[in-house]
């Protein structure tokens, strides 16, 4: 996973495989992290449960962009 640059910050979207009932389809928890100059700025916590790894990743990036926009 690579960071994206956004307004001088490095942002990360995370997709964490949820361990659920073996008979259920895989789900992913999404979260986001923001760093600047290799230093931690903020993390979202779990944003929700998503059907795909990509959806979880995108949600984390969207959260990070919104956080930066509201704190900039």
N, C-alpha and C. Protein backbone atom coordinates (compact mmCIF):
# COMPACT_ATOMS: atom_id res chain seq x y z
N UNK A 1 0.85 -1.17 0.00
CA UNK A 1 0.00 0.00 0.00
C UNK A 1 0.90 1.24 0.00
N UNK A 2 0.54 2.19 -0.82
CA UNK A 2 1.30 3.42 -0.93
C UNK A 2 0.46 4.60 -0.46
N UNK A 3 1.15 5.58 0.08
CA UNK A 3 0.47 6.81 0.49
C UNK A 3 0.17 7.65 -0.73
N UNK A 4 -0.88 8.43 -0.64
CA UNK A 4 -1.18 9.45 -1.64
C UNK A 4 -0.84 10.80 -1.03
N UNK A 5 -0.44 11.73 -1.86
CA UNK A 5 -0.18 13.09 -1.40
C UNK A 5 -1.45 13.91 -1.56
N UNK A 6 -1.74 14.72 -0.54
CA UNK A 6 -2.91 15.58 -0.58
C UNK A 6 -2.62 16.84 0.24
N UNK A 7 -2.50 17.97 -0.43
CA UNK A 7 -2.27 19.27 0.21
C UNK A 7 -1.10 19.26 1.19
N UNK A 8 -0.03 18.59 0.82
CA UNK A 8 1.17 18.56 1.65
C UNK A 8 1.20 17.45 2.69
N UNK A 9 0.17 16.65 2.76
CA UNK A 9 0.09 15.52 3.69
C UNK A 9 0.23 14.21 2.92
N UNK A 10 0.63 13.17 3.61
CA UNK A 10 0.57 11.81 3.08
C UNK A 10 -0.67 11.17 3.70
N UNK A 11 -1.53 10.61 2.86
CA UNK A 11 -2.76 10.00 3.38
C UNK A 11 -2.77 8.52 2.99
N UNK A 12 -3.34 7.74 3.88
CA UNK A 12 -3.39 6.30 3.72
C UNK A 12 -4.82 5.82 3.91
N UNK A 13 -5.25 4.91 3.08
CA UNK A 13 -6.52 4.22 3.26
C UNK A 13 -6.22 2.77 3.61
N UNK A 14 -6.85 2.27 4.64
CA UNK A 14 -6.57 0.91 5.11
C UNK A 14 -7.80 0.02 4.94
N UNK A 15 -7.54 -1.21 4.58
CA UNK A 15 -8.59 -2.22 4.49
C UNK A 15 -8.14 -3.41 5.33
N UNK A 16 -8.89 -3.69 6.40
CA UNK A 16 -8.53 -4.76 7.32
C UNK A 16 -9.58 -5.86 7.21
N UNK A 17 -9.12 -7.04 6.85
CA UNK A 17 -10.04 -8.17 6.71
C UNK A 17 -10.69 -8.48 8.06
N UNK A 18 -12.01 -8.53 8.08
CA UNK A 18 -12.74 -8.86 9.30
C UNK A 18 -12.89 -10.37 9.38
N UNK A 19 -12.66 -10.90 10.54
CA UNK A 19 -12.83 -12.34 10.75
C UNK A 19 -14.23 -12.58 11.29
N UNK A 20 -15.04 -13.14 10.44
CA UNK A 20 -16.44 -13.40 10.82
C UNK A 20 -16.72 -14.89 10.62
N UNK A 21 -17.96 -15.22 10.65
CA UNK A 21 -18.40 -16.60 10.44
C UNK A 21 -17.85 -17.09 9.11
N UNK A 22 -17.33 -18.29 9.10
CA UNK A 22 -16.72 -18.86 7.90
C UNK A 22 -17.71 -18.98 6.74
N UNK A 23 -18.99 -19.02 7.04
CA UNK A 23 -20.00 -19.14 6.01
C UNK A 23 -20.41 -17.79 5.42
N UNK A 24 -19.94 -16.70 6.02
CA UNK A 24 -20.27 -15.36 5.55
C UNK A 24 -19.21 -14.89 4.54
N UNK A 25 -19.59 -14.06 3.59
CA UNK A 25 -18.59 -13.52 2.66
C UNK A 25 -17.61 -12.60 3.40
N UNK A 26 -16.41 -12.47 2.84
CA UNK A 26 -15.40 -11.60 3.45
C UNK A 26 -15.89 -10.16 3.49
N UNK A 27 -15.55 -9.46 4.56
CA UNK A 27 -15.84 -8.03 4.72
C UNK A 27 -14.56 -7.36 5.19
N UNK A 28 -14.46 -6.08 4.94
CA UNK A 28 -13.27 -5.33 5.30
C UNK A 28 -13.64 -4.10 6.12
N UNK A 29 -12.89 -3.87 7.18
CA UNK A 29 -13.03 -2.65 7.95
C UNK A 29 -12.16 -1.59 7.27
N UNK A 30 -12.69 -0.39 7.14
CA UNK A 30 -11.94 0.69 6.51
C UNK A 30 -11.52 1.73 7.53
N UNK A 31 -10.34 2.31 7.31
CA UNK A 31 -9.87 3.39 8.17
C UNK A 31 -8.88 4.24 7.38
N UNK A 32 -8.51 5.37 7.95
CA UNK A 32 -7.57 6.27 7.29
C UNK A 32 -6.54 6.80 8.26
N UNK A 33 -5.38 7.15 7.72
CA UNK A 33 -4.29 7.72 8.51
C UNK A 33 -3.71 8.91 7.74
N UNK A 34 -3.31 9.93 8.49
CA UNK A 34 -2.70 11.12 7.90
C UNK A 34 -1.34 11.34 8.56
N UNK A 35 -0.33 11.59 7.72
CA UNK A 35 1.00 11.95 8.22
C UNK A 35 1.48 13.19 7.48
N UNK A 36 2.44 13.87 8.08
CA UNK A 36 3.08 15.02 7.43
C UNK A 36 4.55 15.00 7.84
N UNK A 37 5.43 15.06 6.87
CA UNK A 37 6.87 14.99 7.13
C UNK A 37 7.22 13.76 7.95
N UNK A 38 6.61 12.65 7.61
CA UNK A 38 6.82 11.34 8.27
C UNK A 38 6.38 11.31 9.73
N UNK A 39 5.56 12.26 10.14
CA UNK A 39 5.03 12.28 11.51
C UNK A 39 3.53 12.07 11.51
N UNK A 40 3.08 11.30 12.45
CA UNK A 40 1.66 11.02 12.61
C UNK A 40 0.88 12.31 12.87
N UNK A 41 -0.25 12.48 12.18
CA UNK A 41 -1.13 13.62 12.39
C UNK A 41 -2.46 13.16 13.00
N UNK A 42 -3.14 12.23 12.33
CA UNK A 42 -4.46 11.78 12.80
C UNK A 42 -4.79 10.42 12.18
N UNK A 43 -5.63 9.67 12.88
CA UNK A 43 -6.15 8.40 12.37
C UNK A 43 -7.65 8.37 12.64
N UNK A 44 -8.38 7.69 11.80
CA UNK A 44 -9.84 7.73 11.86
C UNK A 44 -10.47 6.76 12.84
N UNK A 45 -9.86 5.65 13.09
CA UNK A 45 -10.58 4.55 13.72
C UNK A 45 -11.37 3.85 12.62
N UNK A 46 -12.18 2.89 12.98
CA UNK A 46 -12.93 2.13 11.99
C UNK A 46 -14.07 2.99 11.44
N UNK A 47 -14.11 3.12 10.11
CA UNK A 47 -15.12 3.93 9.44
C UNK A 47 -16.35 3.14 9.06
N UNK A 48 -16.24 1.84 9.03
CA UNK A 48 -17.36 1.00 8.65
C UNK A 48 -16.88 -0.33 8.11
N UNK A 49 -17.84 -1.15 7.74
CA UNK A 49 -17.56 -2.46 7.18
C UNK A 49 -17.94 -2.43 5.70
N UNK A 50 -17.04 -2.92 4.85
CA UNK A 50 -17.21 -2.82 3.41
C UNK A 50 -17.11 -4.19 2.74
N UNK A 51 -17.79 -4.33 1.62
CA UNK A 51 -17.80 -5.60 0.90
C UNK A 51 -16.50 -5.90 0.20
N UNK A 52 -15.76 -4.86 -0.21
CA UNK A 52 -14.51 -5.10 -0.92
C UNK A 52 -13.36 -4.37 -0.25
N UNK A 53 -12.18 -4.88 -0.48
CA UNK A 53 -10.97 -4.25 0.04
C UNK A 53 -10.83 -2.85 -0.55
N UNK A 54 -11.12 -2.71 -1.82
CA UNK A 54 -11.02 -1.41 -2.50
C UNK A 54 -11.98 -0.39 -1.90
N UNK A 55 -13.22 -0.79 -1.62
CA UNK A 55 -14.19 0.13 -1.02
C UNK A 55 -13.71 0.63 0.34
N UNK A 56 -13.12 -0.26 1.13
CA UNK A 56 -12.60 0.13 2.44
C UNK A 56 -11.43 1.10 2.29
N UNK A 57 -10.56 0.81 1.35
CA UNK A 57 -9.40 1.67 1.08
C UNK A 57 -9.86 3.07 0.64
N UNK A 58 -10.79 3.13 -0.28
CA UNK A 58 -11.31 4.40 -0.79
C UNK A 58 -11.97 5.21 0.33
N UNK A 59 -12.69 4.54 1.22
CA UNK A 59 -13.34 5.22 2.34
C UNK A 59 -12.29 5.87 3.26
N UNK A 60 -11.20 5.18 3.50
CA UNK A 60 -10.13 5.73 4.33
C UNK A 60 -9.50 6.96 3.71
N UNK A 61 -9.26 6.91 2.41
CA UNK A 61 -8.70 8.08 1.71
C UNK A 61 -9.68 9.25 1.72
N UNK A 62 -10.96 8.97 1.51
CA UNK A 62 -11.97 10.02 1.51
C UNK A 62 -12.04 10.69 2.88
N UNK A 63 -11.99 9.89 3.94
CA UNK A 63 -12.01 10.44 5.29
C UNK A 63 -10.80 11.36 5.50
N UNK A 64 -9.61 10.91 5.07
CA UNK A 64 -8.39 11.68 5.26
C UNK A 64 -8.48 13.02 4.52
N UNK A 65 -8.97 13.02 3.29
CA UNK A 65 -9.12 14.27 2.54
C UNK A 65 -10.09 15.22 3.25
N UNK A 66 -11.20 14.68 3.71
CA UNK A 66 -12.20 15.50 4.40
C UNK A 66 -11.63 16.08 5.70
N UNK A 67 -10.86 15.29 6.44
CA UNK A 67 -10.26 15.78 7.68
C UNK A 67 -9.31 16.94 7.38
N UNK A 68 -8.46 16.77 6.37
CA UNK A 68 -7.52 17.82 6.01
C UNK A 68 -8.27 19.09 5.57
N UNK A 69 -9.29 18.92 4.76
CA UNK A 69 -10.07 20.06 4.29
C UNK A 69 -10.73 20.82 5.45
N UNK A 70 -11.16 20.10 6.47
CA UNK A 70 -11.83 20.76 7.58
C UNK A 70 -10.88 21.31 8.65
N UNK A 71 -9.61 20.94 8.57
CA UNK A 71 -8.63 21.41 9.56
C UNK A 71 -7.55 22.28 8.94
N UNK A 72 -7.71 22.64 7.68
CA UNK A 72 -6.65 23.37 6.98
C UNK A 72 -6.81 24.81 6.97
